[in-house]
């Protein structure tokens, strides 16, 4: 079995780390140089890049490209799935926090 791996520019841990840092910045209510919006935007862009890379590898496997292995494609798919799940959890927590704030009595 020939297993080929290539270094992907986006790893799910980096996307998840970016999302965690963005959420922590909101919890601390600390204004940093780049701000929450920029950090969250870059995290979502990295998730999108990971998903696009996985889609590209899937297409290449379907076209039977000998340079792309099935294992590499499956790893890219899992990375993009983990990154998407992390961003989904952050979004859900942000919506919940917004709902809690809006339901507070003044």
N, C-alpha and C. Protein backbone atom coordinates (compact mmCIF):
# COMPACT_ATOMS: atom_id res chain seq x y z
N UNK A 1 0.84 -1.16 0.00
CA UNK A 1 0.00 0.00 0.00
C UNK A 1 0.89 1.23 0.00
N UNK A 2 0.63 2.12 -0.92
CA UNK A 2 1.41 3.34 -1.04
C UNK A 2 0.60 4.48 -0.43
N UNK A 3 1.13 5.06 0.63
CA UNK A 3 0.45 6.17 1.29
C UNK A 3 1.25 7.43 1.04
N UNK A 4 0.62 8.38 0.37
CA UNK A 4 1.27 9.64 0.10
C UNK A 4 0.60 10.71 0.96
N UNK A 5 1.41 11.54 1.53
CA UNK A 5 0.86 12.66 2.28
C UNK A 5 1.54 13.93 1.82
N UNK A 6 0.77 14.96 1.81
CA UNK A 6 1.32 16.26 1.49
C UNK A 6 0.96 17.18 2.63
N UNK A 7 1.78 18.15 2.84
CA UNK A 7 1.48 19.09 3.91
C UNK A 7 0.39 20.02 3.43
N UNK A 8 -0.69 20.07 4.18
CA UNK A 8 -1.79 20.96 3.82
C UNK A 8 -1.57 22.31 4.47
N UNK A 9 -1.96 23.38 3.78
CA UNK A 9 -1.74 24.70 4.34
C UNK A 9 -2.62 24.99 5.54
N UNK A 10 -3.74 24.28 5.67
CA UNK A 10 -4.67 24.52 6.76
C UNK A 10 -4.84 23.23 7.53
N UNK A 11 -4.60 23.28 8.81
CA UNK A 11 -4.85 22.12 9.64
C UNK A 11 -6.04 22.42 10.52
N UNK A 12 -6.82 21.38 10.89
CA UNK A 12 -7.99 21.64 11.71
C UNK A 12 -7.62 22.20 13.06
N UNK A 13 -6.44 21.84 13.56
CA UNK A 13 -6.06 22.37 14.86
C UNK A 13 -5.81 23.86 14.77
N UNK A 14 -5.26 24.35 13.63
CA UNK A 14 -5.05 25.79 13.52
C UNK A 14 -6.38 26.51 13.43
N UNK A 15 -7.34 25.96 12.72
CA UNK A 15 -8.66 26.58 12.63
C UNK A 15 -9.34 26.56 13.98
N UNK A 16 -9.27 25.43 14.65
CA UNK A 16 -9.89 25.33 15.97
C UNK A 16 -9.20 26.26 16.96
N UNK A 17 -7.88 26.37 16.86
CA UNK A 17 -7.14 27.27 17.75
C UNK A 17 -7.55 28.72 17.50
N UNK A 18 -7.71 29.09 16.24
CA UNK A 18 -8.12 30.45 15.91
C UNK A 18 -9.51 30.73 16.46
N UNK A 19 -10.41 29.75 16.34
CA UNK A 19 -11.76 29.93 16.85
C UNK A 19 -11.76 30.04 18.38
N UNK A 20 -10.94 29.22 19.03
CA UNK A 20 -10.84 29.29 20.50
C UNK A 20 -10.29 30.64 20.94
N UNK A 21 -9.26 31.11 20.24
CA UNK A 21 -8.68 32.41 20.59
C UNK A 21 -9.71 33.53 20.40
N UNK A 22 -10.49 33.44 19.32
CA UNK A 22 -11.50 34.46 19.08
C UNK A 22 -12.57 34.43 20.16
N UNK A 23 -13.01 33.24 20.54
CA UNK A 23 -14.02 33.12 21.59
C UNK A 23 -13.46 33.59 22.93
N UNK A 24 -12.21 33.27 23.22
CA UNK A 24 -11.59 33.71 24.47
C UNK A 24 -11.47 35.22 24.53
N UNK A 25 -11.21 35.85 23.39
CA UNK A 25 -11.10 37.31 23.36
C UNK A 25 -12.44 37.95 23.72
N UNK A 26 -13.53 37.34 23.26
CA UNK A 26 -14.85 37.87 23.59
C UNK A 26 -15.14 37.65 25.07
N UNK A 27 -14.81 36.49 25.60
CA UNK A 27 -15.06 36.21 27.01
C UNK A 27 -14.27 37.14 27.91
N UNK A 28 -13.03 37.44 27.54
CA UNK A 28 -12.20 38.33 28.35
C UNK A 28 -12.58 39.78 28.16
N UNK A 29 -13.37 40.05 27.11
CA UNK A 29 -13.73 41.42 26.75
C UNK A 29 -12.47 42.26 26.57
N UNK A 30 -11.47 41.65 25.94
CA UNK A 30 -10.17 42.27 25.74
C UNK A 30 -10.05 42.67 24.28
N UNK A 31 -9.77 43.92 24.02
CA UNK A 31 -9.60 44.39 22.65
C UNK A 31 -8.14 44.20 22.28
N UNK A 32 -7.89 43.36 21.29
CA UNK A 32 -6.54 43.11 20.82
C UNK A 32 -6.31 43.89 19.54
N UNK A 33 -5.11 43.81 19.01
CA UNK A 33 -4.77 44.55 17.80
C UNK A 33 -5.68 44.20 16.63
N UNK A 34 -5.93 42.91 16.42
CA UNK A 34 -6.72 42.53 15.25
C UNK A 34 -8.21 42.49 15.54
N UNK A 35 -8.62 42.29 16.75
CA UNK A 35 -10.03 42.31 17.11
C UNK A 35 -10.70 40.98 16.84
N UNK A 36 -11.87 40.83 17.43
CA UNK A 36 -12.62 39.58 17.31
C UNK A 36 -13.07 39.35 15.88
N UNK A 37 -13.58 40.39 15.25
CA UNK A 37 -14.10 40.24 13.89
C UNK A 37 -13.04 39.69 12.95
N UNK A 38 -11.85 40.25 13.00
CA UNK A 38 -10.77 39.82 12.11
C UNK A 38 -10.34 38.39 12.42
N UNK A 39 -10.24 38.06 13.71
CA UNK A 39 -9.83 36.71 14.09
C UNK A 39 -10.87 35.69 13.65
N UNK A 40 -12.14 36.01 13.85
CA UNK A 40 -13.20 35.08 13.47
C UNK A 40 -13.29 34.95 11.95
N UNK A 41 -13.10 36.06 11.26
CA UNK A 41 -13.14 36.03 9.80
C UNK A 41 -12.01 35.16 9.24
N UNK A 42 -10.81 35.31 9.79
CA UNK A 42 -9.69 34.49 9.31
C UNK A 42 -9.89 33.02 9.65
N UNK A 43 -10.51 32.74 10.79
CA UNK A 43 -10.79 31.35 11.14
C UNK A 43 -11.79 30.74 10.16
N UNK A 44 -12.83 31.50 9.82
CA UNK A 44 -13.81 30.99 8.87
C UNK A 44 -13.21 30.82 7.48
N UNK A 45 -12.30 31.71 7.11
CA UNK A 45 -11.63 31.56 5.81
C UNK A 45 -10.77 30.31 5.78
N UNK A 46 -10.12 29.99 6.90
CA UNK A 46 -9.30 28.78 6.93
C UNK A 46 -10.17 27.52 6.87
N UNK A 47 -11.35 27.58 7.48
CA UNK A 47 -12.29 26.46 7.38
C UNK A 47 -12.73 26.29 5.93
N UNK A 48 -13.03 27.40 5.27
CA UNK A 48 -13.44 27.35 3.87
C UNK A 48 -12.33 26.79 2.99
N UNK A 49 -11.10 27.20 3.25
CA UNK A 49 -9.97 26.69 2.49
C UNK A 49 -9.80 25.19 2.67
N UNK A 50 -9.96 24.73 3.91
CA UNK A 50 -9.85 23.29 4.18
C UNK A 50 -10.93 22.51 3.45
N UNK A 51 -12.15 23.05 3.44
CA UNK A 51 -13.24 22.39 2.73
C UNK A 51 -13.00 22.38 1.22
N UNK A 52 -12.50 23.47 0.69
CA UNK A 52 -12.22 23.53 -0.75
C UNK A 52 -11.12 22.55 -1.13
N UNK A 53 -10.10 22.43 -0.27
CA UNK A 53 -9.02 21.49 -0.55
C UNK A 53 -9.54 20.05 -0.52
N UNK A 54 -10.39 19.73 0.44
CA UNK A 54 -10.95 18.38 0.52
C UNK A 54 -11.81 18.08 -0.71
N UNK A 55 -12.58 19.06 -1.15
CA UNK A 55 -13.41 18.89 -2.34
C UNK A 55 -12.55 18.66 -3.58
N UNK A 56 -11.47 19.43 -3.68
CA UNK A 56 -10.57 19.27 -4.81
C UNK A 56 -9.94 17.86 -4.82
N UNK A 57 -9.50 17.39 -3.65
CA UNK A 57 -8.91 16.06 -3.57
C UNK A 57 -9.94 14.97 -3.90
N UNK A 58 -11.18 15.16 -3.45
CA UNK A 58 -12.24 14.20 -3.78
C UNK A 58 -12.43 14.10 -5.29
N UNK A 59 -12.45 15.25 -5.93
CA UNK A 59 -12.63 15.28 -7.38
C UNK A 59 -11.47 14.56 -8.08
N UNK A 60 -10.25 14.81 -7.60
CA UNK A 60 -9.08 14.18 -8.21
C UNK A 60 -9.10 12.65 -8.03
N UNK A 61 -9.56 12.19 -6.88
CA UNK A 61 -9.66 10.74 -6.65
C UNK A 61 -10.70 10.15 -7.59
N UNK A 62 -11.82 10.86 -7.76
CA UNK A 62 -12.86 10.36 -8.66
C UNK A 62 -12.38 10.31 -10.10
N UNK A 63 -11.49 11.22 -10.45
CA UNK A 63 -10.94 11.22 -11.81
C UNK A 63 -9.75 10.27 -11.95
N UNK A 64 -9.46 9.54 -10.88
CA UNK A 64 -8.39 8.53 -10.82
C UNK A 64 -7.02 9.13 -11.12
N UNK A 65 -6.75 10.27 -10.52
CA UNK A 65 -5.44 10.90 -10.63
C UNK A 65 -4.45 10.07 -9.81
N UNK A 66 -3.38 9.57 -10.42
CA UNK A 66 -2.44 8.71 -9.68
C UNK A 66 -1.62 9.48 -8.64
N UNK A 67 -1.59 10.79 -8.71
CA UNK A 67 -0.81 11.58 -7.76
C UNK A 67 -1.55 11.84 -6.45
N UNK A 68 -2.84 11.54 -6.41
CA UNK A 68 -3.66 11.78 -5.21
C UNK A 68 -4.11 10.44 -4.65
N UNK A 69 -3.80 10.22 -3.39
CA UNK A 69 -4.18 8.95 -2.77
C UNK A 69 -5.51 9.09 -2.04
N UNK A 70 -6.17 7.98 -1.88
CA UNK A 70 -7.43 7.94 -1.16
C UNK A 70 -7.22 8.32 0.31
N UNK A 71 -6.11 7.86 0.88
CA UNK A 71 -5.82 8.15 2.28
C UNK A 71 -5.66 9.65 2.51
N UNK A 72 -4.94 10.29 1.61
CA UNK A 72 -4.73 11.74 1.70
C UNK A 72 -6.07 12.48 1.62
N UNK A 73 -6.94 11.99 0.74
CA UNK A 73 -8.26 12.60 0.59
C UNK A 73 -9.10 12.42 1.84
N UNK A 74 -9.08 11.24 2.42
CA UNK A 74 -9.85 10.99 3.63
C UNK A 74 -9.36 11.85 4.80
N UNK A 75 -8.06 12.02 4.92
CA UNK A 75 -7.50 12.86 5.98
C UNK A 75 -7.93 14.31 5.78
N UNK A 76 -7.90 14.79 4.56
CA UNK A 76 -8.32 16.17 4.28
C UNK A 76 -9.80 16.36 4.58
N UNK A 77 -10.60 15.35 4.28
CA UNK A 77 -12.03 15.43 4.58
C UNK A 77 -12.27 15.49 6.08
N UNK A 78 -11.54 14.68 6.83
CA UNK A 78 -11.70 14.70 8.29
C UNK A 78 -11.23 16.03 8.88
N UNK A 79 -10.14 16.56 8.36
CA UNK A 79 -9.65 17.86 8.84
C UNK A 79 -10.69 18.95 8.61
N UNK A 80 -11.28 18.96 7.44
CA UNK A 80 -12.28 19.98 7.14
C UNK A 80 -13.53 19.79 7.99
N UNK A 81 -13.88 18.54 8.26
CA UNK A 81 -15.05 18.27 9.09
C UNK A 81 -14.83 18.74 10.53
N UNK A 82 -13.65 18.48 11.08
CA UNK A 82 -13.34 18.92 12.45
C UNK A 82 -13.33 20.45 12.52
N UNK A 83 -12.75 21.10 11.54
CA UNK A 83 -12.71 22.56 11.52
C UNK A 83 -14.11 23.14 11.42
N UNK A 84 -14.96 22.54 10.60
CA UNK A 84 -16.34 23.02 10.47
C UNK A 84 -17.11 22.83 11.76
N UNK A 85 -16.94 21.68 12.41
CA UNK A 85 -17.63 21.43 13.68
C UNK A 85 -17.20 22.44 14.75
N UNK A 86 -15.92 22.78 14.78
CA UNK A 86 -15.44 23.77 15.75
C UNK A 86 -16.07 25.13 15.49
N UNK A 87 -16.15 25.53 14.23
CA UNK A 87 -16.76 26.82 13.91
C UNK A 87 -18.26 26.79 14.20
N UNK A 88 -18.90 25.67 14.00
CA UNK A 88 -20.31 25.54 14.30
C UNK A 88 -20.58 25.69 15.80
N UNK A 89 -19.72 25.10 16.62
CA UNK A 89 -19.87 25.24 18.07
C UNK A 89 -19.67 26.68 18.52
N UNK A 90 -18.71 27.36 17.94
CA UNK A 90 -18.49 28.77 18.29
C UNK A 90 -19.70 29.60 17.88
N UNK A 91 -20.22 29.34 16.71
CA UNK A 91 -21.41 30.08 16.25
C UNK A 91 -22.59 29.84 17.19
N UNK A 92 -22.81 28.59 17.60
CA UNK A 92 -23.91 28.27 18.49
C UNK A 92 -23.76 28.97 19.84
N UNK A 93 -22.54 29.02 20.34
CA UNK A 93 -22.31 29.71 21.62
C UNK A 93 -22.52 31.22 21.48
N UNK A 94 -22.13 31.77 20.35
CA UNK A 94 -22.34 33.21 20.13
C UNK A 94 -23.84 33.52 20.05
N UNK A 95 -24.59 32.68 19.37
CA UNK A 95 -26.04 32.88 19.28
C UNK A 95 -26.68 32.74 20.66
N UNK A 96 -26.22 31.78 21.43
CA UNK A 96 -26.76 31.59 22.77
C UNK A 96 -26.45 32.79 23.66
N UNK A 97 -25.23 33.31 23.57
CA UNK A 97 -24.85 34.48 24.35
C UNK A 97 -25.70 35.68 23.94
N UNK A 98 -25.92 35.86 22.65
CA UNK A 98 -26.76 36.96 22.17
C UNK A 98 -28.18 36.82 22.69
N UNK A 99 -28.71 35.60 22.65
CA UNK A 99 -30.07 35.35 23.15
C UNK A 99 -30.16 35.64 24.64
N UNK A 100 -29.16 35.22 25.39
CA UNK A 100 -29.15 35.49 26.83
C UNK A 100 -29.12 36.98 27.13
N UNK A 101 -28.31 37.72 26.39
CA UNK A 101 -28.23 39.17 26.59
C UNK A 101 -29.55 39.84 26.23
N UNK A 102 -30.15 39.42 25.14
CA UNK A 102 -31.40 40.03 24.71
C UNK A 102 -32.55 39.71 25.67
N UNK A 103 -32.49 38.61 26.40
CA UNK A 103 -33.53 38.23 27.33
C UNK A 103 -33.34 38.83 28.72
N UNK A 104 -32.22 39.54 28.93
CA UNK A 104 -31.98 40.16 30.24
C UNK A 104 -32.91 41.35 30.43
N UNK A 105 -33.37 41.48 31.67
CA UNK A 105 -34.20 42.64 31.99
C UNK A 105 -33.30 43.80 32.37
N UNK A 106 -33.66 44.97 31.91
CA UNK A 106 -32.83 46.14 32.20
C UNK A 106 -33.39 46.91 33.37
